[in-house]
Amino acid sequence: MARGWESKSVEAQQAEASESSRQSKRPLSPEQQARQRQTDELQLARTRVVHQLESASNPRHRQMLEESLKELERRIENLRSLEP
């Protein structure tokens, strides 16, 4: 299961990278740049949590990581919904 989740994450990251490169051709406003930076930071945090979740064995720690992952995904979606 962990490998499948990881490959899906990699696939999503590759899709986002290609989308970002297409969007980077036009100049971004300061607000868009800030939103992009926040999204990138949240994506990095999400990747870190996913890796921690793969190796976590304590049920309480896993629960905390799963809740963190849900919160990060919610925040990423909120930022994406603000994009034009």
PDB file of N, CA and C in Angstrom:
ATOM      1  N   MET A   1       0.822  -1.192   0.000  1.00  0.00           N
ATOM      2  CA  MET A   1       0.000   0.000   0.000  1.00  0.00           C
ATOM      3  C   MET A   1       0.867   1.256   0.000  1.00  0.00           C
ATOM      4  N   ALA A   2       1.941   1.242   0.733  1.00  0.00           N
ATOM      5  CA  ALA A   2       2.785   2.426   0.825  1.00  0.00           C
ATOM      6  C   ALA A   2       3.383   2.765  -0.535  1.00  0.00           C
ATOM      7  N   ARG A   3       3.813   1.750  -1.275  1.00  0.00           N
ATOM      8  CA  ARG A   3       4.407   2.016  -2.585  1.00  0.00           C
ATOM      9  C   ARG A   3       3.367   2.594  -3.546  1.00  0.00           C
ATOM     10  N   GLY A   4       2.171   2.067  -3.515  1.00  0.00           N
ATOM     11  CA  GLY A   4       1.114   2.587  -4.376  1.00  0.00           C
ATOM     12  C   GLY A   4       0.805   4.036  -4.059  1.00  0.00           C
ATOM     13  N   TRP A   5       0.745   4.350  -2.775  1.00  0.00           N
ATOM     14  CA  TRP A   5       0.477   5.722  -2.356  1.00  0.00           C
ATOM     15  C   TRP A   5       1.613   6.629  -2.802  1.00  0.00           C
ATOM     16  N   GLU A   6       2.850   6.134  -2.658  1.00  0.00           N
ATOM     17  CA  GLU A   6       3.997   6.934  -3.039  1.00  0.00           C
ATOM     18  C   GLU A   6       4.002   7.198  -4.542  1.00  0.00           C
ATOM     19  N   SER A   7       3.696   6.179  -5.342  1.00  0.00           N
ATOM     20  CA  SER A   7       3.701   6.375  -6.788  1.00  0.00           C
ATOM     21  C   SER A   7       2.608   7.344  -7.213  1.00  0.00           C
ATOM     22  N   LYS A   8       1.476   7.319  -6.537  1.00  0.00           N
ATOM     23  CA  LYS A   8       0.424   8.276  -6.842  1.00  0.00           C
ATOM     24  C   LYS A   8       0.890   9.676  -6.492  1.00  0.00           C
ATOM     25  N   SER A   9       1.599   9.807  -5.401  1.00  0.00           N
ATOM     26  CA  SER A   9       2.119  11.103  -4.997  1.00  0.00           C
ATOM     27  C   SER A   9       3.108  11.620  -6.025  1.00  0.00           C
ATOM     28  N   VAL A  10       3.986  10.768  -6.497  1.00  0.00           N
ATOM     29  CA  VAL A  10       4.968  11.157  -7.505  1.00  0.00           C
ATOM     30  C   VAL A  10       4.255  11.574  -8.785  1.00  0.00           C
ATOM     31  N   GLU A  11       3.256  10.814  -9.169  1.00  0.00           N
ATOM     32  CA  GLU A  11       2.498  11.137 -10.379  1.00  0.00           C
ATOM     33  C   GLU A  11       1.832  12.505 -10.243  1.00  0.00           C
ATOM     34  N   ALA A  12       1.256  12.771  -9.086  1.00  0.00           N
ATOM     35  CA  ALA A  12       0.607  14.060  -8.853  1.00  0.00           C
ATOM     36  C   ALA A  12       1.628  15.192  -8.873  1.00  0.00           C
ATOM     37  N   GLN A  13       2.797  14.946  -8.294  1.00  0.00           N
ATOM     38  CA  GLN A  13       3.844  15.967  -8.278  1.00  0.00           C
ATOM     39  C   GLN A  13       4.323  16.267  -9.694  1.00  0.00           C
ATOM     40  N   GLN A  14       4.448  15.244 -10.520  1.00  0.00           N
ATOM     41  CA  GLN A  14       4.878  15.453 -11.902  1.00  0.00           C
ATOM     42  C   GLN A  14       3.831  16.256 -12.673  1.00  0.00           C
ATOM     43  N   ALA A  15       2.575  15.961 -12.451  1.00  0.00           N
ATOM     44  CA  ALA A  15       1.507  16.702 -13.116  1.00  0.00           C
ATOM     45  C   ALA A  15       1.528  18.164 -12.687  1.00  0.00           C
ATOM     46  N   GLU A  16       1.738  18.384 -11.404  1.00  0.00           N
ATOM     47  CA  GLU A  16       1.804  19.760 -10.903  1.00  0.00           C
ATOM     48  C   GLU A  16       3.019  20.492 -11.458  1.00  0.00           C
ATOM     49  N   ALA A  17       4.130  19.797 -11.578  1.00  0.00           N
ATOM     50  CA  ALA A  17       5.338  20.425 -12.106  1.00  0.00           C
ATOM     51  C   ALA A  17       5.125  20.864 -13.550  1.00  0.00           C
ATOM     52  N   SER A  18       4.487  20.016 -14.346  1.00  0.00           N
ATOM     53  CA  SER A  18       4.243  20.393 -15.741  1.00  0.00           C
ATOM     54  C   SER A  18       3.245  21.543 -15.815  1.00  0.00           C
ATOM     55  N   GLU A  19       2.266  21.540 -14.933  1.00  0.00           N
ATOM     56  CA  GLU A  19       1.290  22.634 -14.889  1.00  0.00           C
ATOM     57  C   GLU A  19       1.976  23.923 -14.447  1.00  0.00           C
ATOM     58  N   SER A  20       2.859  23.829 -13.474  1.00  0.00           N
ATOM     59  CA  SER A  20       3.583  25.003 -12.992  1.00  0.00           C
ATOM     60  C   SER A  20       4.460  25.595 -14.075  1.00  0.00           C
ATOM     61  N   SER A  21       5.116  24.734 -14.842  1.00  0.00           N
ATOM     62  CA  SER A  21       5.990  25.239 -15.899  1.00  0.00           C
ATOM     63  C   SER A  21       5.186  25.960 -16.977  1.00  0.00           C
ATOM     64  N   ARG A  22       3.985  25.484 -17.237  1.00  0.00           N
ATOM     65  CA  ARG A  22       3.136  26.173 -18.210  1.00  0.00           C
ATOM     66  C   ARG A  22       2.695  27.520 -17.680  1.00  0.00           C
ATOM     67  N   GLN A  23       2.383  27.567 -16.397  1.00  0.00           N
ATOM     68  CA  GLN A  23       1.910  28.807 -15.799  1.00  0.00           C
ATOM     69  C   GLN A  23       3.051  29.797 -15.593  1.00  0.00           C
ATOM     70  N   SER A  24       4.270  29.318 -15.436  1.00  0.00           N
ATOM     71  CA  SER A  24       5.376  30.210 -15.143  1.00  0.00           C
ATOM     72  C   SER A  24       5.771  31.056 -16.344  1.00  0.00           C
ATOM     73  N   LYS A  25       5.249  30.772 -17.507  1.00  0.00           N
ATOM     74  CA  LYS A  25       5.585  31.538 -18.702  1.00  0.00           C
ATOM     75  C   LYS A  25       4.957  32.921 -18.688  1.00  0.00           C
ATOM     76  N   ARG A  26       3.895  33.101 -17.938  1.00  0.00           N
ATOM     77  CA  ARG A  26       3.298  34.430 -17.835  1.00  0.00           C
ATOM     78  C   ARG A  26       3.655  35.009 -16.461  1.00  0.00           C
ATOM     79  N   PRO A  27       3.830  36.308 -16.394  1.00  0.00           N
ATOM     80  CA  PRO A  27       4.225  36.914 -15.112  1.00  0.00           C
ATOM     81  C   PRO A  27       3.098  36.785 -14.081  1.00  0.00           C
ATOM     82  N   LEU A  28       3.494  36.532 -12.856  1.00  0.00           N
ATOM     83  CA  LEU A  28       2.530  36.380 -11.771  1.00  0.00           C
ATOM     84  C   LEU A  28       2.487  37.648 -10.941  1.00  0.00           C
ATOM     85  N   SER A  29       1.306  37.957 -10.458  1.00  0.00           N
ATOM     86  CA  SER A  29       1.170  39.101  -9.556  1.00  0.00           C
ATOM     87  C   SER A  29       1.797  38.733  -8.214  1.00  0.00           C
ATOM     88  N   PRO A  30       2.093  39.715  -7.383  1.00  0.00           N
ATOM     89  CA  PRO A  30       2.659  39.411  -6.059  1.00  0.00           C
ATOM     90  C   PRO A  30       1.760  38.481  -5.241  1.00  0.00           C
ATOM     91  N   GLU A  31       0.443  38.640  -5.363  1.00  0.00           N
ATOM     92  CA  GLU A  31      -0.480  37.767  -4.634  1.00  0.00           C
ATOM     93  C   GLU A  31      -0.385  36.333  -5.148  1.00  0.00           C
ATOM     94  N   GLN A  32      -0.286  36.192  -6.466  1.00  0.00           N
ATOM     95  CA  GLN A  32      -0.174  34.858  -7.051  1.00  0.00           C
ATOM     96  C   GLN A  32       1.157  34.216  -6.666  1.00  0.00           C
ATOM     97  N   GLN A  33       2.211  35.008  -6.620  1.00  0.00           N
ATOM     98  CA  GLN A  33       3.510  34.487  -6.204  1.00  0.00           C
ATOM     99  C   GLN A  33       3.462  34.003  -4.757  1.00  0.00           C
ATOM    100  N   ALA A  34       2.820  34.773  -3.894  1.00  0.00           N
ATOM    101  CA  ALA A  34       2.700  34.388  -2.484  1.00  0.00           C
ATOM    102  C   ALA A  34       1.891  33.107  -2.346  1.00  0.00           C
ATOM    103  N   ARG A  35       0.793  33.013  -3.107  1.00  0.00           N
ATOM    104  CA  ARG A  35      -0.042  31.811  -3.076  1.00  0.00           C
ATOM    105  C   ARG A  35       0.733  30.600  -3.579  1.00  0.00           C
ATOM    106  N   GLN A  36       1.526  30.789  -4.636  1.00  0.00           N
ATOM    107  CA  GLN A  36       2.330  29.694  -5.184  1.00  0.00           C
ATOM    108  C   GLN A  36       3.369  29.241  -4.163  1.00  0.00           C
ATOM    109  N   ARG A  37       3.994  30.196  -3.484  1.00  0.00           N
ATOM    110  CA  ARG A  37       4.974  29.858  -2.453  1.00  0.00           C
ATOM    111  C   ARG A  37       4.329  29.067  -1.323  1.00  0.00           C
ATOM    112  N   GLN A  38       3.149  29.522  -0.892  1.00  0.00           N
ATOM    113  CA  GLN A  38       2.432  28.811   0.169  1.00  0.00           C
ATOM    114  C   GLN A  38       2.071  27.392  -0.273  1.00  0.00           C
ATOM    115  N   THR A  39       1.602  27.264  -1.508  1.00  0.00           N
ATOM    116  CA  THR A  39       1.242  25.949  -2.024  1.00  0.00           C
ATOM    117  C   THR A  39       2.459  25.039  -2.063  1.00  0.00           C
ATOM    118  N   ASP A  40       3.590  25.570  -2.529  1.00  0.00           N
ATOM    119  CA  ASP A  40       4.820  24.775  -2.585  1.00  0.00           C
ATOM    120  C   ASP A  40       5.244  24.321  -1.187  1.00  0.00           C
ATOM    121  N   GLU A  41       5.162  25.228  -0.215  1.00  0.00           N
ATOM    122  CA  GLU A  41       5.527  24.878   1.159  1.00  0.00           C
ATOM    123  C   GLU A  41       4.606  23.796   1.716  1.00  0.00           C
ATOM    124  N   LEU A  42       3.317  23.921   1.438  1.00  0.00           N
ATOM    125  CA  LEU A  42       2.369  22.914   1.910  1.00  0.00           C
ATOM    126  C   LEU A  42       2.607  21.571   1.238  1.00  0.00           C
ATOM    127  N   GLN A  43       2.961  21.586  -0.043  1.00  0.00           N
ATOM    128  CA  GLN A  43       3.255  20.335  -0.750  1.00  0.00           C
ATOM    129  C   GLN A  43       4.480  19.648  -0.138  1.00  0.00           C
ATOM    130  N   LEU A  44       5.494  20.432   0.193  1.00  0.00           N
ATOM    131  CA  LEU A  44       6.679  19.856   0.832  1.00  0.00           C
ATOM    132  C   LEU A  44       6.327  19.262   2.196  1.00  0.00           C
ATOM    133  N   ALA A  45       5.523  19.979   2.953  1.00  0.00           N
ATOM    134  CA  ALA A  45       5.105  19.477   4.262  1.00  0.00           C
ATOM    135  C   ALA A  45       4.289  18.198   4.104  1.00  0.00           C
ATOM    136  N   ARG A  46       3.425  18.174   3.099  1.00  0.00           N
ATOM    137  CA  ARG A  46       2.610  16.989   2.841  1.00  0.00           C
ATOM    138  C   ARG A  46       3.500  15.789   2.502  1.00  0.00           C
ATOM    139  N   THR A  47       4.501  16.002   1.666  1.00  0.00           N
ATOM    140  CA  THR A  47       5.423  14.927   1.303  1.00  0.00           C
ATOM    141  C   THR A  47       6.147  14.397   2.538  1.00  0.00           C
ATOM    142  N   ARG A  48       6.564  15.301   3.387  1.00  0.00           N
ATOM    143  CA  ARG A  48       7.252  14.907   4.616  1.00  0.00           C
ATOM    144  C   ARG A  48       6.336  14.070   5.512  1.00  0.00           C
ATOM    145  N   VAL A  49       5.079  14.486   5.653  1.00  0.00           N
ATOM    146  CA  VAL A  49       4.124  13.747   6.485  1.00  0.00           C
ATOM    147  C   VAL A  49       3.852  12.374   5.894  1.00  0.00           C
ATOM    148  N   VAL A  50       3.727  12.290   4.571  1.00  0.00           N
ATOM    149  CA  VAL A  50       3.486  10.997   3.922  1.00  0.00           C
ATOM    150  C   VAL A  50       4.647  10.043   4.217  1.00  0.00           C
ATOM    151  N   HIS A  51       5.867  10.543   4.118  1.00  0.00           N
ATOM    152  CA  HIS A  51       7.032   9.688   4.397  1.00  0.00           C
ATOM    153  C   HIS A  51       7.063   9.253   5.862  1.00  0.00           C
ATOM    154  N   GLN A  52       6.706  10.157   6.761  1.00  0.00           N
ATOM    155  CA  GLN A  52       6.660   9.799   8.181  1.00  0.00           C
ATOM    156  C   GLN A  52       5.567   8.765   8.432  1.00  0.00           C
ATOM    157  N   LEU A  53       4.459   8.920   7.756  1.00  0.00           N
ATOM    158  CA  LEU A  53       3.338   7.998   7.920  1.00  0.00           C
ATOM    159  C   LEU A  53       3.704   6.596   7.462  1.00  0.00           C
ATOM    160  N   GLU A  54       4.523   6.499   6.433  1.00  0.00           N
ATOM    161  CA  GLU A  54       4.942   5.191   5.928  1.00  0.00           C
ATOM    162  C   GLU A  54       5.735   4.406   6.963  1.00  0.00           C
ATOM    163  N   SER A  55       6.469   5.102   7.819  1.00  0.00           N
ATOM    164  CA  SER A  55       7.311   4.401   8.795  1.00  0.00           C
ATOM    165  C   SER A  55       6.750   4.423  10.214  1.00  0.00           C
ATOM    166  N   ALA A  56       5.645   5.100  10.437  1.00  0.00           N
ATOM    167  CA  ALA A  56       5.078   5.194  11.784  1.00  0.00           C
ATOM    168  C   ALA A  56       4.417   3.875  12.185  1.00  0.00           C
ATOM    169  N   SER A  57       4.674   3.465  13.416  1.00  0.00           N
ATOM    170  CA  SER A  57       4.072   2.219  13.892  1.00  0.00           C
ATOM    171  C   SER A  57       3.143   2.445  15.085  1.00  0.00           C
ATOM    172  N   ASN A  58       3.347   3.514  15.812  1.00  0.00           N
ATOM    173  CA  ASN A  58       2.503   3.821  16.970  1.00  0.00           C
ATOM    174  C   ASN A  58       1.143   4.317  16.466  1.00  0.00           C
ATOM    175  N   PRO A  59       0.050   3.693  16.908  1.00  0.00           N
ATOM    176  CA  PRO A  59      -1.284   4.080  16.417  1.00  0.00           C
ATOM    177  C   PRO A  59      -1.624   5.556  16.669  1.00  0.00           C
ATOM    178  N   ARG A  60      -1.229   6.079  17.824  1.00  0.00           N
ATOM    179  CA  ARG A  60      -1.526   7.488  18.103  1.00  0.00           C
ATOM    180  C   ARG A  60      -0.720   8.414  17.189  1.00  0.00           C
ATOM    181  N   HIS A  61       0.516   8.053  16.944  1.00  0.00           N
ATOM    182  CA  HIS A  61       1.346   8.850  16.054  1.00  0.00           C
ATOM    183  C   HIS A  61       0.794   8.800  14.632  1.00  0.00           C
ATOM    184  N   ARG A  62       0.373   7.612  14.186  1.00  0.00           N
ATOM    185  CA  ARG A  62      -0.228   7.472  12.854  1.00  0.00           C
ATOM    186  C   ARG A  62      -1.487   8.331  12.744  1.00  0.00           C
ATOM    187  N   GLN A  63      -2.304   8.312  13.795  1.00  0.00           N
ATOM    188  CA  GLN A  63      -3.538   9.105  13.781  1.00  0.00           C
ATOM    189  C   GLN A  63      -3.214  10.591  13.665  1.00  0.00           C
ATOM    190  N   MET A  64      -2.222  11.038  14.417  1.00  0.00           N
ATOM    191  CA  MET A  64      -1.823  12.441  14.370  1.00  0.00           C
ATOM    192  C   MET A  64      -1.330  12.803  12.957  1.00  0.00           C
ATOM    193  N   LEU A  65      -0.523  11.924  12.360  1.00  0.00           N
ATOM    194  CA  LEU A  65      -0.011  12.172  11.013  1.00  0.00           C
ATOM    195  C   LEU A  65      -1.133  12.179   9.982  1.00  0.00           C
ATOM    196  N   GLU A  66      -2.095  11.267  10.121  1.00  0.00           N
ATOM    197  CA  GLU A  66      -3.224  11.229   9.193  1.00  0.00           C
ATOM    198  C   GLU A  66      -4.053  12.503   9.286  1.00  0.00           C
ATOM    199  N   GLU A  67      -4.245  12.995  10.500  1.00  0.00           N
ATOM    200  CA  GLU A  67      -4.984  14.248  10.679  1.00  0.00           C
ATOM    201  C   GLU A  67      -4.203  15.419  10.089  1.00  0.00           C
ATOM    202  N   SER A  68      -2.894  15.406  10.270  1.00  0.00           N
ATOM    203  CA  SER A  68      -2.051  16.453   9.682  1.00  0.00           C
ATOM    204  C   SER A  68      -2.133  16.419   8.166  1.00  0.00           C
ATOM    205  N   LEU A  69      -2.106  15.219   7.609  1.00  0.00           N
ATOM    206  CA  LEU A  69      -2.189  15.057   6.162  1.00  0.00           C
ATOM    207  C   LEU A  69      -3.514  15.606   5.633  1.00  0.00           C
ATOM    208  N   LYS A  70      -4.611  15.293   6.309  1.00  0.00           N
ATOM    209  CA  LYS A  70      -5.919  15.805   5.891  1.00  0.00           C
ATOM    210  C   LYS A  70      -5.952  17.328   5.949  1.00  0.00           C
ATOM    211  N   GLU A  71      -5.378  17.891   6.994  1.00  0.00           N
ATOM    212  CA  GLU A  71      -5.359  19.347   7.143  1.00  0.00           C
ATOM    213  C   GLU A  71      -4.518  19.991   6.044  1.00  0.00           C
ATOM    214  N   LEU A  72      -3.366  19.422   5.749  1.00  0.00           N
ATOM    215  CA  LEU A  72      -2.521  19.957   4.677  1.00  0.00           C
ATOM    216  C   LEU A  72      -3.237  19.889   3.335  1.00  0.00           C
ATOM    217  N   GLU A  73      -3.894  18.777   3.060  1.00  0.00           N
ATOM    218  CA  GLU A  73      -4.626  18.639   1.804  1.00  0.00           C
ATOM    219  C   GLU A  73      -5.776  19.638   1.716  1.00  0.00           C
ATOM    220  N   ARG A  74      -6.437  19.878   2.838  1.00  0.00           N
ATOM    221  CA  ARG A  74      -7.525  20.863   2.868  1.00  0.00           C
ATOM    222  C   ARG A  74      -6.985  22.257   2.558  1.00  0.00           C
ATOM    223  N   ARG A  75      -5.850  22.602   3.176  1.00  0.00           N
ATOM    224  CA  ARG A  75      -5.260  23.921   2.951  1.00  0.00           C
ATOM    225  C   ARG A  75      -4.777  24.082   1.511  1.00  0.00           C
ATOM    226  N   ILE A  76      -4.225  23.027   0.939  1.00  0.00           N
ATOM    227  CA  ILE A  76      -3.775  23.075  -0.454  1.00  0.00           C
ATOM    228  C   ILE A  76      -4.976  23.304  -1.372  1.00  0.00           C
ATOM    229  N   GLU A  77      -6.056  22.584  -1.134  1.00  0.00           N
ATOM    230  CA  GLU A  77      -7.255  22.753  -1.953  1.00  0.00           C
ATOM    231  C   GLU A  77      -7.829  24.160  -1.813  1.00  0.00           C
ATOM    232  N   ASN A  78      -7.805  24.711  -0.606  1.00  0.00           N
ATOM    233  CA  ASN A  78      -8.296  26.078  -0.406  1.00  0.00           C
ATOM    234  C   ASN A  78      -7.477  27.069  -1.222  1.00  0.00           C
ATOM    235  N   LEU A  79      -6.165  26.898  -1.226  1.00  0.00           N
ATOM    236  CA  LEU A  79      -5.317  27.802  -2.012  1.00  0.00           C
ATOM    237  C   LEU A  79      -5.576  27.624  -3.501  1.00  0.00           C
ATOM    238  N   ARG A  80      -5.760  26.409  -3.942  1.00  0.00           N
ATOM    239  CA  ARG A  80      -6.020  26.162  -5.371  1.00  0.00           C
ATOM    240  C   ARG A  80      -7.373  26.732  -5.799  1.00  0.00           C
ATOM    241  N   SER A  81      -8.329  26.729  -4.902  1.00  0.00           N
ATOM    242  CA  SER A  81      -9.644  27.264  -5.265  1.00  0.00           C
ATOM    243  C   SER A  81      -9.595  28.781  -5.446  1.00  0.00           C
ATOM    244  N   LEU A  82      -8.570  29.430  -4.890  1.00  0.00           N
ATOM    245  CA  LEU A  82      -8.420  30.866  -5.045  1.00  0.00           C
ATOM    246  C   LEU A  82      -7.775  31.252  -6.370  1.00  0.00           C
ATOM    247  N   GLU A  83      -7.176  30.265  -7.059  1.00  0.00           N
ATOM    248  CA  GLU A  83      -6.511  30.536  -8.334  1.00  0.00           C
ATOM    249  C   GLU A  83      -7.537  30.854  -9.399  1.00  0.00           C
ATOM    250  N   PRO A  84      -7.166  31.750 -10.316  1.00  0.00           N
ATOM    251  CA  PRO A  84      -8.120  32.129 -11.379  1.00  0.00           C
ATOM    252  C   PRO A  84      -8.329  31.012 -12.381  1.00  0.00           C
TER     253      PRO A  84
END
